Protein backbone atom coordinates (compact mmCIF):
# COMPACT_ATOMS: atom_id res chain seq x y z
CA MET A 1 -202.78 131.55 -67.50
CA SER A 2 -200.02 133.35 -65.16
CA LEU A 3 -198.74 132.15 -61.60
CA ALA A 4 -198.21 133.94 -59.11
CA VAL A 5 -194.39 134.02 -57.82
CA THR A 6 -192.70 131.60 -55.77
CA ARG A 7 -190.04 132.91 -53.30
CA CYS A 8 -187.27 130.41 -52.24
CA GLY A 9 -185.21 131.93 -49.88
CA ASP A 10 -183.40 134.74 -51.64
CA THR A 11 -184.53 133.58 -55.23
CA GLU A 12 -187.49 134.03 -57.04
CA PHE A 13 -189.37 131.72 -59.30
CA ARG A 14 -190.75 133.10 -61.95
CA TRP A 15 -193.11 130.23 -63.76
CA GLY A 16 -193.47 130.88 -67.29
CA GLN A 17 -189.95 132.43 -67.96
CA LYS A 18 -187.85 129.75 -68.05
CA THR A 19 -187.73 126.12 -66.31
CA TYR A 20 -185.51 125.63 -63.71
CA VAL A 21 -183.48 122.61 -62.41
CA MET A 22 -183.47 120.67 -59.69
CA GLY A 23 -180.45 118.91 -58.54
CA ILE A 24 -180.63 115.42 -56.19
CA LEU A 25 -177.97 115.07 -53.30
CA ASN A 26 -179.24 112.10 -51.88
CA VAL A 27 -177.57 111.24 -48.79
CA THR A 28 -178.10 107.81 -48.21
CA PRO A 29 -176.51 104.73 -48.44
CA ASP A 30 -179.43 102.87 -51.17
CA SER A 31 -180.14 105.56 -53.13
CA PHE A 32 -181.64 103.44 -56.58
CA SER A 33 -179.08 105.58 -59.05
CA GLY A 34 -176.35 104.38 -57.09
CA ASP A 35 -175.43 108.02 -56.30
CA GLY A 36 -176.02 108.40 -52.90
CA LEU A 37 -173.15 110.27 -50.41
CA SER A 38 -174.33 108.13 -47.19
CA GLY A 39 -174.36 110.92 -45.41
CA SER A 40 -170.30 112.58 -46.02
CA VAL A 41 -170.62 115.96 -45.63
CA ALA A 42 -167.52 116.99 -47.39
CA ALA A 43 -168.62 114.74 -50.39
CA SER A 44 -171.79 116.55 -50.25
CA LEU A 45 -170.55 119.38 -49.98
CA ASP A 46 -167.63 119.61 -52.87
CA GLN A 47 -171.28 117.84 -55.30
CA ALA A 48 -173.57 120.66 -53.95
CA LYS A 49 -170.74 123.28 -55.21
CA HIS A 50 -170.62 121.81 -58.65
CA PHE A 51 -173.44 121.68 -59.01
CA GLU A 52 -173.33 125.52 -58.04
CA GLN A 53 -170.67 126.47 -61.14
CA LEU A 54 -173.20 124.11 -63.57
CA GLY A 55 -175.90 125.92 -62.72
CA VAL A 56 -178.62 124.35 -61.22
CA ASP A 57 -181.61 126.63 -59.27
CA ILE A 58 -182.16 124.83 -56.66
CA ILE A 59 -180.31 121.24 -54.98
CA ASP A 60 -182.68 118.87 -53.18
CA VAL A 61 -181.31 117.12 -49.79
CA GLY A 62 -182.77 113.50 -49.19
CA GLY A 63 -182.07 111.37 -46.08
CA GLU A 64 -183.92 108.39 -47.20
CA SER A 65 -184.49 106.28 -50.36
CA THR A 66 -188.32 106.54 -51.83
CA ARG A 67 -187.03 103.31 -53.95
CA PRO A 68 -189.55 100.85 -54.32
CA GLY A 69 -188.39 98.05 -51.24
CA SER A 70 -185.56 100.28 -49.98
CA ASP A 71 -185.55 99.84 -46.11
CA PRO A 72 -187.00 102.54 -44.39
CA VAL A 73 -185.32 104.70 -41.50
CA ASP A 74 -186.89 106.59 -38.26
CA ALA A 75 -186.99 110.17 -37.88
CA ASP A 76 -183.00 110.15 -35.71
CA GLU A 77 -181.05 108.82 -38.59
CA GLU A 78 -182.75 110.78 -41.10
CA LEU A 79 -182.28 113.62 -39.19
CA ARG A 80 -178.45 112.86 -38.68
CA ARG A 81 -178.20 111.79 -42.42
CA VAL A 82 -179.73 115.17 -43.59
CA ILE A 83 -179.34 117.79 -40.77
CA PRO A 84 -175.20 118.51 -40.68
CA VAL A 85 -175.95 118.48 -44.81
CA ILE A 86 -177.87 121.09 -45.00
CA GLU A 87 -176.26 123.45 -42.67
CA ALA A 88 -173.03 123.00 -44.30
CA LEU A 89 -174.83 123.82 -47.46
CA THR A 90 -176.80 127.31 -46.47
CA LYS A 91 -173.34 128.10 -45.60
CA GLU A 92 -171.58 127.72 -48.09
CA ILE A 93 -173.88 127.72 -51.39
CA SER A 94 -175.69 131.00 -52.58
CA VAL A 95 -178.67 128.26 -54.30
CA PRO A 96 -181.88 127.32 -51.93
CA VAL A 97 -182.02 123.96 -50.46
CA SER A 98 -184.74 122.00 -50.72
CA ILE A 99 -185.59 119.08 -48.09
CA ASP A 100 -187.01 115.86 -49.15
CA THR A 101 -188.62 114.14 -46.80
CA TYR A 102 -192.47 113.57 -46.02
CA ARG A 103 -191.91 113.78 -41.69
CA ALA A 104 -193.13 116.78 -40.47
CA ARG A 105 -190.12 116.83 -37.84
CA VAL A 106 -187.34 116.31 -40.06
CA ALA A 107 -189.22 119.03 -42.33
CA LYS A 108 -189.21 121.28 -39.36
CA GLU A 109 -185.25 121.10 -37.78
CA ALA A 110 -184.36 121.83 -42.15
CA VAL A 111 -185.57 124.74 -41.89
CA LYS A 112 -184.91 126.23 -38.67
CA VAL A 113 -180.81 125.11 -39.82
CA GLY A 114 -181.30 126.76 -43.43
CA ALA A 115 -183.78 124.87 -45.88
CA HIS A 116 -185.75 127.02 -48.19
CA MET A 117 -188.44 124.31 -49.71
CA ILE A 118 -190.37 121.50 -48.22
CA ASN A 119 -190.30 118.48 -51.02
CA ASP A 120 -192.86 115.85 -49.59
CA VAL A 121 -192.84 112.40 -51.48
CA TRP A 122 -196.35 111.59 -50.06
CA GLY A 123 -197.90 114.60 -50.62
CA LEU A 124 -198.86 115.97 -47.36
CA LYS A 125 -201.14 112.58 -46.71
CA LYS A 126 -198.45 110.05 -44.41
CA ASP A 127 -197.87 112.66 -41.69
CA PRO A 128 -200.49 114.12 -39.89
CA GLU A 129 -198.33 116.97 -38.66
CA MET A 130 -196.54 118.68 -42.07
CA ALA A 131 -199.73 120.64 -43.58
CA ALA A 132 -198.98 122.37 -40.47
CA VAL A 133 -195.50 122.60 -39.94
CA ALA A 134 -195.48 123.61 -43.64
CA ALA A 135 -197.25 126.30 -43.62
CA ALA A 136 -195.84 127.21 -39.77
CA CYS A 137 -192.27 127.57 -41.73
CA ASN A 138 -193.24 129.37 -44.52
CA VAL A 139 -191.31 128.21 -47.30
CA PRO A 140 -193.06 126.48 -50.64
CA VAL A 141 -194.22 123.04 -50.51
CA ILE A 142 -194.25 120.31 -53.76
CA ILE A 143 -196.95 118.50 -53.15
CA THR A 144 -196.53 114.76 -55.14
CA GLN A 145 -198.79 112.17 -55.77
CA ASN A 146 -198.10 109.33 -54.45
CA GLN A 147 -200.42 106.18 -55.06
CA ARG A 148 -198.67 103.25 -53.73
CA GLY A 149 -201.11 100.41 -53.06
CA PHE A 150 -203.77 101.85 -54.54
CA SER A 151 -205.70 101.43 -58.19
CA TYR A 152 -206.33 104.22 -60.88
CA LYS A 153 -209.24 103.75 -62.76
CA ASP A 154 -208.99 106.62 -64.93
CA LEU A 155 -205.54 107.84 -64.53
CA ILE A 156 -205.09 111.50 -65.08
CA PRO A 157 -208.67 112.85 -64.15
CA ASP A 158 -207.62 110.26 -60.65
CA LEU A 159 -204.12 111.70 -60.19
CA ILE A 160 -205.60 115.21 -60.57
CA ALA A 161 -208.43 114.12 -58.04
CA ASP A 162 -205.74 113.20 -56.27
CA LEU A 163 -203.63 116.20 -55.89
CA SER A 164 -206.75 118.91 -55.88
CA THR A 165 -206.91 116.63 -52.89
CA SER A 166 -203.61 117.57 -51.44
CA VAL A 167 -203.85 121.51 -52.50
CA ASP A 168 -207.04 121.50 -50.70
CA MET A 169 -205.71 119.94 -47.62
CA ALA A 170 -202.82 122.70 -47.28
CA LEU A 171 -204.88 125.73 -47.99
CA ASP A 172 -206.67 124.63 -45.33
CA ALA A 173 -203.70 124.07 -43.61
CA GLY A 174 -202.70 127.66 -43.88
CA ILE A 175 -200.14 127.30 -46.91
CA ARG A 176 -200.09 130.05 -49.32
CA ARG A 177 -201.26 129.42 -52.88
CA GLU A 178 -197.80 130.97 -54.50
CA ASN A 179 -196.20 128.52 -52.28
CA ILE A 180 -197.31 125.30 -53.89
CA ILE A 181 -195.87 123.44 -56.60
CA LEU A 182 -197.42 119.70 -57.69
CA ASP A 183 -195.52 116.70 -58.96
CA PRO A 184 -197.31 113.92 -60.61
CA GLY A 185 -195.25 111.45 -58.74
CA VAL A 186 -193.72 110.17 -61.93
CA GLY A 187 -192.67 106.10 -60.20
CA PHE A 188 -194.91 106.57 -57.50
CA GLY A 189 -197.22 103.65 -57.39
CA LYS A 190 -197.36 103.80 -61.23
CA THR A 191 -196.78 101.25 -64.07
CA ALA A 192 -194.47 101.94 -66.56
CA VAL A 193 -197.39 102.52 -69.00
CA GLN A 194 -198.78 104.84 -66.72
CA ASN A 195 -195.59 107.07 -66.38
CA LEU A 196 -194.85 107.14 -69.70
CA GLU A 197 -199.05 108.60 -69.94
CA ILE A 198 -198.17 110.98 -67.11
CA ILE A 199 -195.63 112.75 -69.35
CA SER A 200 -197.47 112.77 -72.66
CA ARG A 201 -200.19 114.02 -70.83
CA LEU A 202 -198.12 116.37 -68.33
CA ALA A 203 -200.17 119.77 -70.12
CA GLU A 204 -203.80 118.28 -68.43
CA LEU A 205 -202.05 119.23 -65.16
CA LYS A 206 -201.91 122.91 -66.32
CA VAL A 207 -206.12 123.30 -65.02
CA LEU A 208 -204.96 123.04 -61.44
CA GLU A 209 -203.53 126.39 -62.01
CA LEU A 210 -199.75 125.16 -60.31
CA PRO A 211 -196.12 125.15 -61.15
CA ILE A 212 -195.43 121.59 -62.13
CA LEU A 213 -192.76 119.33 -61.27
CA LEU A 214 -191.34 116.56 -63.22
CA GLY A 215 -188.77 113.82 -61.70
CA THR A 216 -188.59 111.27 -64.05
CA SER A 217 -184.10 111.26 -63.87
CA ARG A 218 -182.91 108.14 -63.79
CA LYS A 219 -186.73 106.29 -62.74
CA SER A 220 -187.13 102.63 -63.56
CA PHE A 221 -189.85 102.79 -66.24
CA ILE A 222 -186.88 104.14 -68.88
CA GLY A 223 -185.38 101.00 -67.70
CA TYR A 224 -187.86 98.75 -69.02
CA VAL A 225 -188.01 100.87 -72.15
CA LEU A 226 -184.47 100.87 -72.71
CA ASP A 227 -183.57 97.47 -70.91
CA LEU A 228 -180.36 99.31 -68.94
CA PRO A 229 -179.17 100.03 -65.36
CA ALA A 230 -179.67 103.65 -63.97
CA GLN A 231 -176.39 104.77 -64.66
CA GLN A 232 -177.16 104.67 -68.77
CA ARG A 233 -180.70 106.01 -68.83
CA VAL A 234 -179.05 109.42 -69.59
CA GLU A 235 -180.27 109.91 -72.89
CA GLY A 236 -183.77 108.36 -72.23
CA THR A 237 -183.77 111.11 -69.38
CA ALA A 238 -182.94 113.62 -71.69
CA ALA A 239 -185.91 112.45 -74.01
CA THR A 240 -188.87 113.03 -70.53
CA VAL A 241 -186.97 115.93 -69.63
CA ALA A 242 -187.51 117.53 -72.59
CA ILE A 243 -190.81 115.87 -73.85
CA GLY A 244 -192.39 117.43 -70.39
CA ILE A 245 -191.12 120.89 -70.62
CA ALA A 246 -193.32 120.67 -74.28
CA GLY A 247 -196.33 119.88 -72.16
CA GLY A 248 -195.68 122.21 -69.53
CA ALA A 249 -193.16 121.42 -66.64
CA ASP A 250 -191.67 124.50 -64.22
CA ILE A 251 -188.93 122.33 -63.02
CA VAL A 252 -187.26 119.25 -63.90
CA ARG A 253 -185.27 117.01 -60.93
CA VAL A 254 -182.32 115.65 -62.09
CA HIS A 255 -179.44 113.57 -61.33
CA ASP A 256 -177.01 114.44 -64.80
CA ILE A 257 -176.72 118.14 -64.05
CA ALA A 258 -174.79 118.68 -67.11
CA GLN A 259 -176.64 116.94 -69.51
CA MET A 260 -179.67 117.79 -68.35
CA MET A 261 -178.90 121.68 -68.19
CA ARG A 262 -177.89 121.32 -72.04
CA VAL A 263 -181.55 119.48 -72.77
CA VAL A 264 -183.33 122.65 -70.44
CA ARG A 265 -182.16 124.90 -72.46
CA MET A 266 -182.66 123.68 -75.65
CA SER A 267 -185.62 122.97 -74.76
CA ASP A 268 -186.94 125.94 -73.18
CA ALA A 269 -185.47 127.70 -77.11
CA VAL A 270 -187.82 125.19 -78.87
CA ALA A 271 -190.87 125.22 -76.61
CA ARG A 272 -191.25 128.98 -73.94
CA PRO A 273 -191.59 131.74 -77.18
CA GLY A 274 -189.16 134.42 -76.76
CA TYR A 275 -186.91 132.93 -74.20
CA TYR A 276 -183.98 132.27 -77.02
CA LYS A 277 -182.70 135.61 -78.06
CA ALA A 278 -180.89 135.31 -80.72
CA GLU A 279 -177.79 138.33 -81.53
CA ASP A 280 -177.65 140.73 -83.94
């Protein structure tokens, strides 16, 4: 199966040739992973430049923590946190920038100042205006399956069905198919066992014939398995990234860029025939 090329700013994502790396830039004071930058433009720019030097393919800027039990912020506060950062990044770095938000207003303003992608952790379902705004912005959209407040009868079929509903919403709103990326939503309302099953059965999502983003970095299910705090979950994250790539992940969203870039390169060398070409 060959997927259509997705254009993100001046970058083309040619699915199947390599695994792309999305670096996480949290401009929040309460990130679960302890890496929140509290809206500091200077610190955010320094971190983004470091990510760029390490070779990331896209940087995801988020202004509201999505961890369970986090305090929600209103749109004005989210805009106050993310807009100055996105403005600075798009002037100073060449890597495409994504806005991590479920609010249509925030997405619209972020794209207006230079964001190249929208990452909606509620799969277009939280804000009724999001699908239309994303279509009008004409940028790639990451659609996440978020199961908070619901339960599964049959995990993978239910997950696929829910993602299909979001895809139909996107297409009906006018979002082009080549601009849709799917995220199974590891950690969003799933138990540790369910998260592990999603990773092990990731290849089954290929039935939807769309690129897949996998976001496992430092998440709590790794902590449950290894009994470690967020800052000590690098090896656990690495294992999920490698297995996810073997299962067909096209993008991995990560905190620990240097380590995960190595994991991705090695995993691609094994999982993608022709990726690694030895020197003569």
